Protein backbone atom coordinates (compact mmCIF):
# COMPACT_ATOMS: atom_id res chain seq x y z
CA UNK A 1 25.18 80.93 -50.39
CA UNK A 2 27.89 79.09 -47.51
CA UNK A 3 26.91 76.42 -45.40
CA UNK A 4 25.65 77.07 -42.09
CA UNK A 5 27.65 73.87 -41.14
CA UNK A 6 30.82 73.82 -41.98
CA UNK A 7 34.62 72.52 -41.59
CA UNK A 8 36.19 75.50 -41.29
CA UNK A 9 37.73 75.11 -43.99
CA UNK A 10 35.28 76.63 -46.58
CA UNK A 11 37.38 80.05 -46.53
CA UNK A 12 41.05 78.40 -47.28
CA UNK A 13 39.62 75.97 -49.81
CA UNK A 14 38.27 79.07 -51.43
CA UNK A 15 41.81 81.34 -51.58
CA UNK A 16 43.37 78.20 -53.04
CA UNK A 17 40.51 77.88 -55.61
CA UNK A 18 42.05 80.15 -58.47
CA UNK A 19 37.67 81.03 -58.46
CA UNK A 20 38.47 84.26 -56.81
CA UNK A 21 40.43 87.54 -56.62
CA UNK A 22 43.19 87.72 -54.36
CA UNK A 23 44.76 91.83 -53.58
CA UNK A 24 48.47 91.58 -54.61
CA UNK A 25 49.70 93.86 -52.07
CA UNK A 26 48.03 96.11 -49.33
CA UNK A 27 46.62 98.97 -50.54
CA UNK A 28 43.48 101.02 -50.36
CA UNK A 29 40.49 100.13 -52.55
CA UNK A 30 39.50 103.53 -54.79
CA UNK A 31 36.98 102.65 -57.30
CA UNK A 32 34.48 99.61 -57.40
CA UNK A 33 32.07 98.86 -59.80
CA UNK A 34 30.86 95.42 -61.68
CA UNK A 35 34.00 94.95 -63.73
CA UNK A 36 36.77 96.73 -61.98
CA UNK A 37 38.21 96.96 -59.30
CA UNK A 38 41.38 99.73 -58.04
CA UNK A 39 43.54 99.73 -55.30
CA UNK A 40 46.17 101.90 -54.71
CA UNK A 41 49.09 100.54 -53.06
CA UNK A 42 50.42 101.56 -49.52
CA UNK A 43 52.43 100.80 -47.06
CA UNK A 44 51.53 102.23 -43.40
CA UNK A 45 55.20 102.24 -43.05
CA UNK A 46 56.20 104.12 -46.18
CA UNK A 47 54.70 107.02 -47.19
CA UNK A 48 55.80 106.87 -51.25
CA UNK A 49 53.80 106.55 -54.46
CA UNK A 50 53.88 102.18 -54.44
CA UNK A 51 51.72 102.32 -58.05
CA UNK A 52 48.36 101.30 -58.67
CA UNK A 53 46.68 97.72 -58.96
CA UNK A 54 44.15 97.05 -61.48
CA UNK A 55 41.92 94.41 -61.12
CA UNK A 56 39.59 93.12 -63.82
CA UNK A 57 36.53 90.97 -63.01
CA UNK A 58 35.51 87.81 -65.04
CA UNK A 59 31.93 88.36 -66.12
CA UNK A 60 29.74 85.65 -67.74
CA UNK A 61 32.44 83.71 -69.30
CA UNK A 62 32.05 80.18 -70.31
CA UNK A 63 34.28 77.04 -67.96
CA UNK A 64 35.31 73.95 -69.95
CA UNK A 65 32.50 72.09 -67.97
CA UNK A 66 29.73 75.02 -69.98
CA UNK A 67 29.16 76.71 -66.45
CA UNK A 68 28.90 80.10 -66.10
CA UNK A 69 32.05 82.33 -64.73
CA UNK A 70 31.08 85.52 -62.66
CA UNK A 71 32.65 87.15 -60.36
CA UNK A 72 31.72 90.10 -57.62
CA UNK A 73 33.45 92.48 -55.84
CA UNK A 74 33.17 92.29 -51.96
CA UNK A 75 34.75 95.36 -51.12
CA UNK A 76 34.19 99.03 -50.77
CA UNK A 77 35.47 102.45 -51.71
CA UNK A 78 38.29 103.24 -49.02
CA UNK A 79 38.44 99.90 -47.71
CA UNK A 80 42.37 98.93 -46.93
CA UNK A 81 43.27 95.39 -47.70
CA UNK A 82 45.92 93.48 -47.04
CA UNK A 83 47.83 90.99 -49.36
CA UNK A 84 46.04 87.68 -50.54
CA UNK A 85 43.17 89.22 -49.14
CA UNK A 86 39.59 88.23 -51.26
CA UNK A 87 38.64 91.39 -53.33
CA UNK A 88 36.25 89.68 -55.49
CA UNK A 89 33.91 86.38 -54.95
CA UNK A 90 33.87 84.13 -58.11
CA UNK A 91 31.55 81.56 -58.87
CA UNK A 92 30.31 78.82 -56.17
CA UNK A 93 31.98 81.46 -53.18
CA UNK A 94 30.14 83.45 -50.94
CA UNK A 95 32.02 86.32 -49.11
CA UNK A 96 35.03 84.47 -49.38
CA UNK A 97 33.98 80.95 -48.49
CA UNK A 98 33.28 77.94 -50.93
CA UNK A 99 29.72 77.64 -51.26
CA UNK A 100 28.50 74.73 -53.69
CA UNK A 101 25.11 74.70 -52.28
CA UNK A 102 22.50 75.81 -50.58
CA UNK A 103 21.05 75.28 -46.65
CA UNK A 104 17.49 73.88 -47.41
CA UNK A 105 14.63 72.83 -44.71
CA UNK A 106 15.06 68.92 -44.85
CA UNK A 107 12.32 66.37 -43.43
CA UNK A 108 13.58 62.59 -43.30
CA UNK A 109 10.18 60.66 -43.78
CA UNK A 110 8.26 58.42 -46.26
CA UNK A 111 6.35 60.22 -48.71
CA UNK A 112 3.76 58.09 -50.91
CA UNK A 113 6.65 56.19 -52.07
CA UNK A 114 8.02 59.22 -53.98
CA UNK A 115 11.46 59.15 -52.23
CA UNK A 116 11.82 55.07 -52.58
CA UNK A 117 14.97 54.06 -53.31
CA UNK A 118 17.25 57.19 -52.77
CA UNK A 119 14.81 59.35 -54.88
CA UNK A 120 14.33 62.81 -53.55
CA UNK A 121 10.70 64.86 -53.13
CA UNK A 122 11.18 68.66 -54.05
CA UNK A 123 8.98 71.70 -53.31
CA UNK A 124 7.89 73.77 -56.45
CA UNK A 125 8.82 76.71 -54.31
CA UNK A 126 12.52 75.88 -54.35
CA UNK A 127 11.65 75.92 -58.09
CA UNK A 128 10.17 79.21 -57.98
CA UNK A 129 12.80 80.58 -55.89
CA UNK A 130 15.42 79.98 -58.18
CA UNK A 131 17.35 78.41 -55.60
CA UNK A 132 19.09 75.27 -57.60
CA UNK A 133 18.61 77.03 -61.20
CA UNK A 134 21.94 77.37 -62.82
CA UNK A 135 23.54 79.52 -66.02
CA UNK A 136 24.93 77.40 -68.53
CA UNK A 137 26.80 79.38 -71.60
CA UNK A 138 27.09 77.25 -74.44
CA UNK A 139 29.40 77.92 -77.43
CA UNK A 140 28.66 77.73 -81.25
CA UNK A 141 31.59 77.97 -83.69
CA UNK A 142 31.14 78.54 -87.98
CA UNK A 143 33.83 78.59 -89.69
CA UNK A 144 34.08 80.53 -93.26
CA UNK A 145 36.30 78.90 -95.51
CA UNK A 146 37.54 79.33 -99.10
CA UNK A 147 36.38 76.64 -101.61
CA UNK A 148 37.79 75.44 -104.60
CA UNK A 149 34.66 77.28 -106.41
CA UNK A 150 35.12 80.63 -104.55
CA UNK A 151 34.70 81.94 -100.77
CA UNK A 152 31.80 81.13 -98.77
CA UNK A 153 29.77 84.10 -97.10
CA UNK A 154 28.32 85.27 -94.30
CA UNK A 155 24.65 86.78 -95.22
CA UNK A 156 21.69 87.51 -93.78
CA UNK A 157 19.49 86.82 -97.15
CA UNK A 158 20.40 83.38 -97.13
CA UNK A 159 17.95 81.50 -99.91
CA UNK A 160 15.41 79.02 -99.43
CA UNK A 161 15.05 79.86 -95.67
CA UNK A 162 11.90 81.81 -94.28
CA UNK A 163 12.49 85.33 -93.55
CA UNK A 164 11.40 84.72 -90.31
CA UNK A 165 13.86 82.02 -88.81
CA UNK A 166 15.95 85.11 -90.14
CA UNK A 167 14.61 87.59 -88.02
CA UNK A 168 16.91 88.07 -85.10
CA UNK A 169 19.86 88.27 -87.56
CA UNK A 170 21.67 91.50 -87.76
CA UNK A 171 22.37 92.71 -91.08
CA UNK A 172 25.51 91.48 -91.64
CA UNK A 173 24.28 87.66 -91.12
CA UNK A 174 24.97 87.39 -87.54
CA UNK A 175 22.46 86.89 -84.40
CA UNK A 176 21.96 90.26 -82.38
CA UNK A 177 23.30 90.27 -78.72
CA UNK A 178 20.47 89.85 -76.22
CA UNK A 179 18.15 87.84 -78.62
CA UNK A 180 16.21 85.09 -77.70
CA UNK A 181 17.45 82.04 -79.04
CA UNK A 182 15.55 78.08 -79.09
CA UNK A 183 16.37 74.85 -80.41
CA UNK A 184 16.63 75.11 -84.32
CA UNK A 185 16.93 78.96 -84.49
CA UNK A 186 19.21 80.20 -87.00
CA UNK A 187 22.54 82.00 -85.19
CA UNK A 188 24.88 82.47 -88.29
CA UNK A 189 23.48 82.79 -91.91
CA UNK A 190 26.33 81.24 -93.94
CA UNK A 191 26.33 80.45 -98.28
CA UNK A 192 28.57 78.43 -99.64
CA UNK A 193 28.99 77.59 -103.30
CA UNK A 194 28.25 74.49 -105.39
CA UNK A 195 29.13 73.40 -108.66
CA UNK A 196 27.49 75.01 -111.22
CA UNK A 197 24.43 72.55 -112.83
CA UNK A 198 22.69 73.09 -116.43
CA UNK A 199 20.76 76.40 -116.07
CA UNK A 200 16.77 76.22 -116.65
CA UNK A 201 15.87 79.04 -119.24
CA UNK A 202 15.13 81.99 -116.94
CA UNK A 203 18.19 81.59 -115.46
CA UNK A 204 20.15 81.83 -118.64
CA UNK A 205 17.94 85.19 -119.59
CA UNK A 206 18.76 86.89 -116.18
CA UNK A 207 22.68 85.73 -117.08
CA UNK A 208 22.16 87.19 -120.88
CA UNK A 209 20.53 90.64 -119.44
CA UNK A 210 22.62 91.73 -116.57
CA UNK A 211 25.49 89.59 -117.64
CA UNK A 212 26.47 88.11 -114.47
CA UNK A 213 26.29 84.72 -113.29
CA UNK A 214 23.82 83.87 -110.41
CA UNK A 215 25.32 83.51 -106.77
CA UNK A 216 24.48 79.37 -106.37
CA UNK A 217 24.63 78.36 -103.24
CA UNK A 218 23.49 75.76 -100.79
CA UNK A 219 22.58 76.95 -97.07
CA UNK A 220 25.03 76.23 -94.78
CA UNK A 221 23.65 77.57 -91.43
CA UNK A 222 24.89 77.52 -87.84
CA UNK A 223 22.45 76.64 -85.95
CA UNK A 224 20.96 75.85 -82.23
CA UNK A 225 21.36 72.31 -80.49
CA UNK A 226 17.57 70.42 -80.36
CA UNK A 227 18.63 70.42 -76.59
CA UNK A 228 18.45 74.21 -75.87
CA UNK A 229 14.63 75.59 -74.84
CA UNK A 230 12.79 78.43 -75.73
CA UNK A 231 13.42 80.52 -73.32
CA UNK A 232 17.27 80.54 -74.02
CA UNK A 233 18.88 83.87 -74.62
CA UNK A 234 22.31 84.64 -76.72
CA UNK A 235 24.36 86.34 -74.41
CA UNK A 236 27.50 87.41 -77.00
CA UNK A 237 28.99 87.56 -79.88
CA UNK A 238 32.97 87.44 -80.86
CA UNK A 239 33.79 87.38 -84.48
CA UNK A 240 37.48 86.86 -85.71
CA UNK A 241 38.80 86.94 -89.34
CA UNK A 242 40.18 88.95 -91.92
CA UNK A 243 36.57 89.74 -93.45
CA UNK A 244 36.24 93.57 -91.88
CA UNK A 245 32.81 93.34 -91.32
CA UNK A 246 30.24 96.23 -89.01
CA UNK A 247 30.39 93.50 -86.73
CA UNK A 248 33.86 92.74 -85.96
CA UNK A 249 34.95 96.17 -85.98
CA UNK A 250 32.21 96.42 -83.24
CA UNK A 251 33.40 94.23 -81.40
CA UNK A 252 36.93 95.68 -81.71
CA UNK A 253 35.57 99.37 -80.87
CA UNK A 254 34.45 97.37 -77.33
CA UNK A 255 37.66 96.25 -76.60
CA UNK A 256 39.29 99.44 -76.77
CA UNK A 257 37.24 101.23 -75.06
CA UNK A 258 37.96 98.64 -72.24
CA UNK A 259 41.71 99.15 -72.63
CA UNK A 260 40.85 103.46 -72.55
CA UNK A 261 39.17 102.54 -69.22
CA UNK A 262 41.89 100.76 -67.81
CA UNK A 263 43.96 103.17 -68.53
CA UNK A 264 42.38 106.17 -67.53
CA UNK A 265 41.50 104.17 -64.09
CA UNK A 266 45.43 103.86 -63.95
CA UNK A 267 45.92 107.73 -64.82
CA UNK A 268 42.92 108.40 -62.27
CA UNK A 269 44.67 106.96 -59.11
CA UNK A 270 48.25 108.11 -59.82
CA UNK A 271 46.79 111.73 -60.84
CA UNK A 272 45.27 111.52 -57.46
CA UNK A 273 48.01 110.72 -55.55
CA UNK A 274 50.26 113.28 -56.93
CA UNK A 275 48.28 116.14 -56.22
CA UNK A 276 47.74 115.15 -53.06
CA UNK A 277 51.38 115.48 -52.43
CA UNK A 278 51.80 118.67 -54.48
CA UNK A 279 49.56 120.27 -52.10
CA UNK A 280 51.07 119.36 -48.76
CA UNK A 281 54.62 120.46 -50.39
CA UNK A 282 52.59 123.57 -51.53
CA UNK A 283 51.40 124.05 -47.89
CA UNK A 284 54.83 124.12 -46.86
CA UNK A 285 55.83 126.64 -49.11
CA UNK A 286 55.02 130.44 -48.85
CA UNK A 287 52.58 130.34 -51.65
CA UNK A 288 50.71 133.81 -52.24
CA UNK A 289 47.11 133.64 -51.41
CA UNK A 290 46.18 136.10 -54.27
CA UNK A 291 43.39 137.34 -52.69
CA UNK A 292 42.09 133.93 -51.77
CA UNK A 293 40.84 133.55 -47.81
CA UNK A 294 43.16 130.25 -47.64
CA UNK A 295 45.21 127.84 -49.14
CA UNK A 296 42.00 125.23 -49.40
CA UNK A 297 39.62 128.39 -51.39
CA UNK A 298 43.19 129.11 -53.57
CA UNK A 299 43.79 124.75 -54.45
CA UNK A 300 39.75 124.48 -55.15
CA UNK A 301 40.12 127.46 -57.55
CA UNK A 302 43.19 126.85 -59.38
CA UNK A 303 43.82 124.70 -62.24
CA UNK A 304 46.38 121.41 -61.65
CA UNK A 305 48.73 122.88 -64.16
CA UNK A 306 48.55 126.40 -62.21
CA UNK A 307 49.67 124.00 -59.37
CA UNK A 308 52.15 122.63 -60.98
CA UNK A 309 53.80 125.92 -61.99
CA UNK A 310 53.29 127.42 -58.55
CA UNK A 311 55.56 124.83 -57.01
CA UNK A 312 58.05 124.86 -59.68
CA UNK A 313 58.23 128.66 -58.88
CA UNK A 314 58.74 128.46 -55.10
CA UNK A 315 62.29 128.52 -54.09
CA UNK A 316 61.60 126.38 -51.44
CA UNK A 317 60.03 123.28 -52.69
CA UNK A 318 60.87 123.69 -56.69
CA UNK A 319 63.14 121.09 -56.32
CA UNK A 320 61.03 118.68 -55.11
CA UNK A 321 58.02 119.29 -57.14
CA UNK A 322 60.15 119.20 -60.31
CA UNK A 323 61.57 115.30 -59.40
CA UNK A 324 57.79 115.22 -58.01
CA UNK A 325 56.64 116.16 -61.69
CA UNK A 326 58.91 114.21 -63.60
CA UNK A 327 58.28 111.04 -61.84
CA UNK A 328 54.15 111.53 -62.31
CA UNK A 329 54.82 112.39 -66.29
CA UNK A 330 56.95 109.05 -66.72
CA UNK A 331 53.77 107.32 -64.92
CA UNK A 332 51.64 108.61 -66.86
CA UNK A 333 53.65 108.11 -70.23
CA UNK A 334 53.80 104.46 -69.15
CA UNK A 335 50.42 104.18 -68.96
CA UNK A 336 49.07 105.34 -72.17
CA UNK A 337 52.14 103.34 -74.37
CA UNK A 338 50.58 100.30 -72.23
CA UNK A 339 47.18 101.09 -74.19
CA UNK A 340 49.50 101.74 -77.57
CA UNK A 341 50.88 98.28 -77.33
CA UNK A 342 47.34 96.48 -76.39
CA UNK A 343 45.82 98.82 -79.24
CA UNK A 344 48.64 97.82 -82.21
CA UNK A 345 47.96 94.26 -80.55
CA UNK A 346 44.02 94.67 -81.31
CA UNK A 347 44.58 95.55 -84.80
CA UNK A 348 47.25 92.84 -85.83
CA UNK A 349 44.03 90.79 -85.83
CA UNK A 350 44.62 87.10 -85.60
CA UNK A 351 46.20 84.16 -87.30
CA UNK A 352 43.87 81.57 -88.51
CA UNK A 353 44.82 78.61 -90.34
CA UNK A 354 45.12 77.90 -93.82
CA UNK A 355 42.25 78.66 -96.03
CA UNK A 356 40.10 79.98 -93.38
CA UNK A 357 38.64 83.32 -94.02
CA UNK A 358 36.78 84.20 -90.83
CA UNK A 359 35.47 82.73 -87.59
CA UNK A 360 32.21 83.47 -85.67
CA UNK A 361 32.02 82.21 -82.19
CA UNK A 362 28.40 82.90 -80.43
CA UNK A 363 27.94 82.07 -76.64
CA UNK A 364 24.65 80.81 -75.53
CA UNK A 365 23.33 81.52 -71.73
CA UNK A 366 21.17 78.78 -70.97
CA UNK A 367 19.13 78.81 -67.87
CA UNK A 368 18.69 75.39 -66.28
CA UNK A 369 15.40 75.21 -63.76
CA UNK A 370 15.57 72.19 -61.24
CA UNK A 371 13.45 69.17 -62.89
CA UNK A 372 12.44 65.84 -62.26
CA UNK A 373 15.71 63.37 -63.33
CA UNK A 374 18.32 66.16 -62.11
CA UNK A 375 20.71 64.48 -59.23
CA UNK A 376 21.53 65.94 -55.99
CA UNK A 377 23.31 64.87 -53.05
CA UNK A 378 24.69 66.02 -49.59
CA UNK A 379 27.87 66.25 -48.24
CA UNK A 380 27.85 63.02 -46.56
CA UNK A 381 27.53 60.60 -50.17
CA UNK A 382 23.89 61.35 -49.73
CA UNK A 383 22.86 61.22 -53.40
CA UNK A 384 19.59 60.84 -55.30
CA UNK A 385 17.68 61.91 -58.16
CA UNK A 386 14.89 64.22 -58.04
CA UNK A 387 11.47 61.99 -58.41
CA UNK A 388 8.77 64.79 -58.31
CA UNK A 389 8.51 68.32 -57.41
CA UNK A 390 5.42 68.80 -55.36
CA UNK A 391 3.46 71.97 -55.41
CA UNK A 392 4.32 73.97 -52.13
CA UNK A 393 0.56 73.75 -50.80
CA UNK A 394 1.01 69.94 -50.33
CA UNK A 395 4.72 69.66 -48.93
CA UNK A 396 4.45 68.66 -44.98
CA UNK A 397 4.38 71.90 -42.85
CA UNK A 398 6.09 72.54 -39.58
CA UNK A 399 3.54 73.83 -36.91
CA UNK A 400 3.71 77.73 -37.50
CA UNK A 401 3.09 76.84 -41.43
CA UNK A 402 6.69 76.98 -43.12
CA UNK A 403 6.62 74.21 -45.39
CA UNK A 404 9.74 71.64 -45.41
CA UNK A 405 11.62 72.17 -49.14
CA UNK A 406 13.26 68.64 -49.64
CA UNK A 407 12.20 65.44 -48.82
CA UNK A 408 14.61 62.59 -47.72
CA UNK A 409 14.20 58.73 -46.97
CA UNK A 410 15.15 57.38 -43.68
CA UNK A 411 15.63 54.24 -44.86
CA UNK A 412 18.55 55.40 -46.73
CA UNK A 413 20.38 56.73 -43.44
CA UNK A 414 20.96 53.20 -40.87
CA UNK A 415 21.77 50.70 -43.45
CA UNK A 416 24.80 52.96 -45.15
CA UNK A 417 25.70 54.24 -41.67
CA UNK A 418 26.36 57.87 -42.59
CA UNK A 419 25.25 59.07 -39.39
CA UNK A 420 26.72 62.71 -40.56
CA UNK A 421 23.96 63.66 -42.06
CA UNK A 422 21.59 63.47 -39.22
CA UNK A 423 24.10 65.74 -36.85
CA UNK A 424 24.15 68.19 -39.52
CA UNK A 425 20.15 68.26 -39.74
CA UNK A 426 19.87 68.80 -35.95
CA UNK A 427 23.32 71.43 -35.90
CA UNK A 428 21.65 73.10 -39.03
CA UNK A 429 18.37 73.25 -37.05
CA UNK A 430 20.11 74.56 -33.92
CA UNK A 431 21.98 77.21 -36.49
CA UNK A 432 18.69 78.45 -37.92
CA UNK A 433 16.50 79.07 -35.34
CA UNK A 434 19.21 80.65 -32.97
CA UNK A 435 19.57 83.40 -35.35
CA UNK A 436 15.49 83.67 -35.04
CA UNK A 437 15.71 84.40 -31.64
CA UNK A 438 18.52 86.99 -32.05
CA UNK A 439 16.72 88.54 -35.22
CA UNK A 440 13.98 88.37 -32.35
CA UNK A 441 16.15 90.10 -29.82
CA UNK A 442 17.25 92.62 -31.78
CA UNK A 443 13.62 93.51 -33.32
CA UNK A 444 12.29 93.99 -29.67
CA UNK A 445 14.88 96.57 -29.21
CA UNK A 446 14.62 98.52 -26.00
CA UNK A 447 17.57 99.49 -23.94
CA UNK A 448 18.49 96.45 -22.54
CA UNK A 449 18.87 94.91 -26.07
CA UNK A 450 22.72 95.29 -26.52
CA UNK A 451 23.50 93.34 -23.51
CA UNK A 452 20.77 90.90 -23.62
CA UNK A 453 22.70 90.13 -27.18
CA UNK A 454 26.01 90.57 -25.42
CA UNK A 455 24.53 87.81 -22.74
CA UNK A 456 22.96 85.47 -25.18
CA UNK A 457 25.93 85.30 -27.85
CA UNK A 458 28.35 84.52 -25.01
CA UNK A 459 26.31 81.40 -23.63
CA UNK A 460 26.01 79.95 -27.84
CA UNK A 461 29.92 80.63 -28.06
CA UNK A 462 30.51 79.59 -24.48
CA UNK A 463 34.19 78.17 -24.57
CA UNK A 464 35.20 79.43 -28.31
CA UNK A 465 37.50 82.05 -28.68
CA UNK A 466 34.88 83.91 -30.17
CA UNK A 467 33.29 84.33 -26.43
CA UNK A 468 35.71 86.21 -25.76
CA UNK A 469 35.34 88.42 -29.02
CA UNK A 470 32.17 88.80 -27.95
CA UNK A 471 32.70 90.14 -24.48
CA UNK A 472 35.28 93.13 -25.10
CA UNK A 473 33.21 93.97 -28.66
CA UNK A 474 31.89 97.55 -28.77
CA UNK A 475 28.00 98.24 -28.58
CA UNK A 476 28.23 99.09 -32.23
CA UNK A 477 30.46 96.50 -34.00
CA UNK A 478 28.20 93.61 -31.66
CA UNK A 479 24.83 94.46 -33.07
CA UNK A 480 26.79 94.61 -36.60
CA UNK A 481 27.92 91.12 -35.91
CA UNK A 482 24.12 90.07 -34.61
CA UNK A 483 22.84 91.39 -37.26
CA UNK A 484 24.73 88.84 -39.43
CA UNK A 485 23.77 85.72 -37.81
CA UNK A 486 19.70 86.60 -38.05
CA UNK A 487 19.95 83.81 -40.94
CA UNK A 488 21.61 81.31 -38.91
CA UNK A 489 24.60 81.40 -36.57
CA UNK A 490 27.26 79.35 -38.85
CA UNK A 491 28.96 76.42 -37.12
CA UNK A 492 32.39 74.95 -37.88
CA UNK A 493 32.42 70.80 -37.55
CA UNK A 494 36.04 70.42 -38.52
CA UNK A 495 37.32 66.59 -39.28
CA UNK A 496 37.77 64.72 -35.84
CA UNK A 497 36.26 67.65 -33.71
CA UNK A 498 32.72 67.61 -34.43
CA UNK A 499 30.64 68.30 -31.85
CA UNK A 500 29.16 66.19 -29.41
CA UNK A 501 25.58 64.88 -29.00
CA UNK A 502 25.52 66.93 -25.54
CA UNK A 503 26.96 70.24 -27.19
CA UNK A 504 24.35 70.00 -30.27
CA UNK A 505 21.52 69.93 -27.74
CA UNK A 506 22.47 72.36 -25.68
CA UNK A 507 22.80 74.41 -28.40
CA UNK A 508 18.80 73.08 -29.78
CA UNK A 509 17.67 73.95 -25.78
CA UNK A 510 19.18 77.44 -26.30
CA UNK A 511 17.45 77.80 -29.78
CA UNK A 512 14.27 76.71 -27.24
CA UNK A 513 13.12 74.04 -29.41
CA UNK A 514 12.66 69.99 -28.58
CA UNK A 515 16.28 68.99 -27.90
CA UNK A 516 15.32 65.90 -29.39
CA UNK A 517 15.70 67.40 -32.88
CA UNK A 518 12.14 66.17 -33.87
CA UNK A 519 9.52 68.15 -34.56
CA UNK A 520 5.82 67.38 -35.60
CA UNK A 521 4.41 67.65 -39.14
CA UNK A 522 1.42 68.64 -41.09
CA UNK A 523 0.36 66.54 -43.90
CA UNK A 524 -0.13 69.67 -46.47
CA UNK A 525 -3.17 68.10 -48.64
CA UNK A 526 -4.95 67.12 -45.50
CA UNK A 527 -4.12 69.44 -42.85
CA UNK A 528 -3.57 66.28 -40.55
CA UNK A 529 -0.77 65.45 -37.95
CA UNK A 530 1.73 62.80 -38.56
CA UNK A 531 1.43 60.33 -36.10
CA UNK A 532 4.90 60.74 -34.67
CA UNK A 533 7.41 63.39 -34.72
CA UNK A 534 9.53 63.73 -37.71
CA UNK A 535 13.39 64.67 -37.81
CA UNK A 536 13.50 68.02 -39.39
CA UNK A 537 16.66 70.76 -40.07
CA UNK A 538 18.68 72.42 -42.66
CA UNK A 539 21.33 70.43 -44.57
CA UNK A 540 23.38 71.12 -47.23
CA UNK A 541 22.51 70.14 -50.93
CA UNK A 542 24.34 70.43 -54.05
CA UNK A 543 23.27 69.96 -57.49
CA UNK A 544 25.43 68.09 -59.73
CA UNK A 545 26.47 68.11 -63.06
CA UNK A 546 24.21 65.44 -64.20
CA UNK A 547 21.33 67.26 -65.93
CA UNK A 548 18.22 64.96 -67.07
CA UNK A 549 18.36 67.94 -69.92
CA UNK A 550 21.70 66.51 -70.90
CA UNK A 551 20.94 62.85 -70.63
CA UNK A 552 17.85 62.54 -72.04
CA UNK A 553 17.70 61.01 -75.59
CA UNK A 554 15.79 58.95 -78.13
CA UNK A 555 15.62 57.53 -81.42
CA UNK A 556 13.82 56.00 -84.46
CA UNK A 557 16.99 54.78 -86.77
CA UNK A 558 20.39 55.07 -86.09
CA UNK A 559 23.43 53.17 -86.63
CA UNK A 560 23.26 49.49 -85.63
CA UNK A 561 26.00 47.16 -85.23
CA UNK A 562 27.18 44.59 -88.24
CA UNK A 563 27.07 41.73 -86.85
CA UNK A 564 24.16 41.48 -84.13
CA UNK A 565 22.64 44.58 -85.55
CA UNK A 566 21.43 45.62 -82.15
CA UNK A 567 21.33 49.05 -82.07
CA UNK A 568 24.82 50.96 -80.95
CA UNK A 569 26.21 54.44 -79.89
CA UNK A 570 24.08 56.49 -77.79
CA UNK A 571 23.33 60.39 -77.31
CA UNK A 572 26.86 61.06 -78.89
CA UNK A 573 26.12 59.87 -82.27
């Protein structure tokens, strides 16, 4: 989630990052699902049709760093959005704010020497809760060429390969979507013709009997890289090329259904708007009720086409209805022609390089859990490598039994003089404990709960603009706002305007914790209290893209230097 202690610039950075979806113009949200947000453009000052904006969200796409891009809508049907409002979060964005890491409970202390020299001790509970788990998408490409000896072929029955290793391929020879694959799994079965050799007598006999040459080939399989582990899944297959097979036809069909959806969404919004406008005109005209009680029941019982005819037949509004019908038909036909263009483009195919018959791309989603050797950092240059993941029951815990998530070495602070991380820890501790106090107030209930929460928030935001807003909020809005603060009161510490130590102490006292920011910790293994109080709080930690899975490397033989005969190269060779 977004940091509890931020800079105040998170939403500005997120909006300008290009990772989020911004509204192109003012409008009302007409439809929302996992893949689309449909907004009917609307101007409060002009009562006219302005068009439809359809935002297609990026779902589980691969970035150029092999990370996963997924956009999630954050608006609801009926919401009024303004131009440049965030309507969908992107990767590492939380409700329109930059969120590159997670808030974790930290203790600054030594622990069995495992956090010596910037090493980090992590609780197994963090791994279990998938706090720093990331999804990466690997791309594999298989190119089918036309060789002088004949074309290469994609097929399921690859000679000299065990049937067990091909069980997750479809009839065409391409891996099924959703199949679990591991290192050295076959993703695409491809065979290449090889030069003919002198045939053994039994093959000559077969050729004589059946009158055809046996397809002599070498298997050229597209297989997973060794880095992929057992739990990885194949997510998506995209086949391009001249050769029409069942799989490429299926992919084309899925794409055409997507285009059809976009067209239908647009026509839906247009129809709804114009039908509402038509009903308004009919209300102003003297329309016969034809035995119905009122106009609403007449409209409910009459088809859309009949309503148009009714409007055109009315002398009072026929000119306006005729103009409106012309505009409606024009917009609908434009939507249909846009759809036809997209389908034509899809059917046209791809321009592949000379001699290439087909290209198959397979995208495999890989789940990376946190493990020793992964690199992590805070926001003050306080980076380190995880040395050990300790069972949660062995981690030091607070008086109420809450185990800490992460242990950092206190020797990493004084010599580097980045005291910001300690101030952040204290402010984070105040933030979460203020949230707990607000949650207790809300859960107790009672007649005075609204006034108690209002006066407490007034104290928290004393001297801030938000303090005045809290005082003037309605009871319902105040309770909604307070419920959002249950997990912590967000703080902004802008550059050159960070809180002074007196302000931090005041917030800690308000949260009813020790104003020093230090607490008694207990050893998880023996249950004894540590000799001295320990600085404990919430800090924002990030997992960096230096994963041990990508770095670990071993070799037996490989390239050696010509002169020195030393091993050369590294993981890349």
